[in-house]
Amino acid sequence: VWDDELAAIAQKWANHCVYEHDCGDCRSVGKKNFLIDM
């Protein structure tokens, strides 16, 4: 079910996002290694 009011609210919120890359330090996950099993 599509909700036009909710879509408008979500679009207004998304319009404030800045589309650019983070700095390398911003994405640091520490020294742990993670394994993802698919």
Protein backbone atom coordinates (compact mmCIF):
# COMPACT_ATOMS: atom_id res chain seq x y z
CA VAL A 1 0.00 0.00 0.00
CA TRP A 2 1.45 3.36 -1.07
CA ASP A 3 0.98 6.34 1.26
CA ASP A 4 1.47 9.70 -0.50
CA GLU A 5 1.77 11.60 2.79
CA LEU A 6 4.43 9.24 4.12
CA ALA A 7 6.27 9.39 0.79
CA ALA A 8 6.29 13.20 0.94
CA ILE A 9 7.65 13.15 4.51
CA ALA A 10 10.37 10.66 3.54
CA GLN A 11 11.33 12.72 0.48
CA LYS A 12 11.55 15.91 2.55
CA TRP A 13 13.85 14.13 5.02
CA ALA A 14 15.98 12.62 2.22
CA ASN A 15 16.42 16.04 0.59
CA HIS A 16 18.55 17.06 3.57
CA CYS A 17 21.04 14.22 3.02
CA VAL A 18 24.49 15.09 1.70
CA TYR A 19 25.56 12.65 -1.00
CA GLU A 20 29.34 12.38 -0.68
CA HIS A 21 31.95 9.95 0.61
CA ASP A 22 32.90 9.80 4.26
CA CYS A 23 36.49 10.23 5.30
CA GLY A 24 38.45 7.00 5.83
CA ASP A 25 38.54 7.48 9.61
CA CYS A 26 34.75 7.81 9.70
CA ARG A 27 34.36 4.22 8.49
CA SER A 28 36.88 2.58 10.79
CA VAL A 29 35.58 -0.65 12.33
CA GLY A 30 38.59 -1.23 14.52
CA LYS A 31 40.98 -4.16 14.26
CA LYS A 32 38.38 -6.91 14.34
CA ASN A 33 37.85 -8.97 11.22
CA PHE A 34 34.33 -9.95 10.33
CA LEU A 35 33.25 -13.01 8.35
CA ILE A 36 29.95 -12.92 6.54
CA ASP A 37 28.62 -16.32 5.50
CA MET A 38 26.10 -16.17 2.67
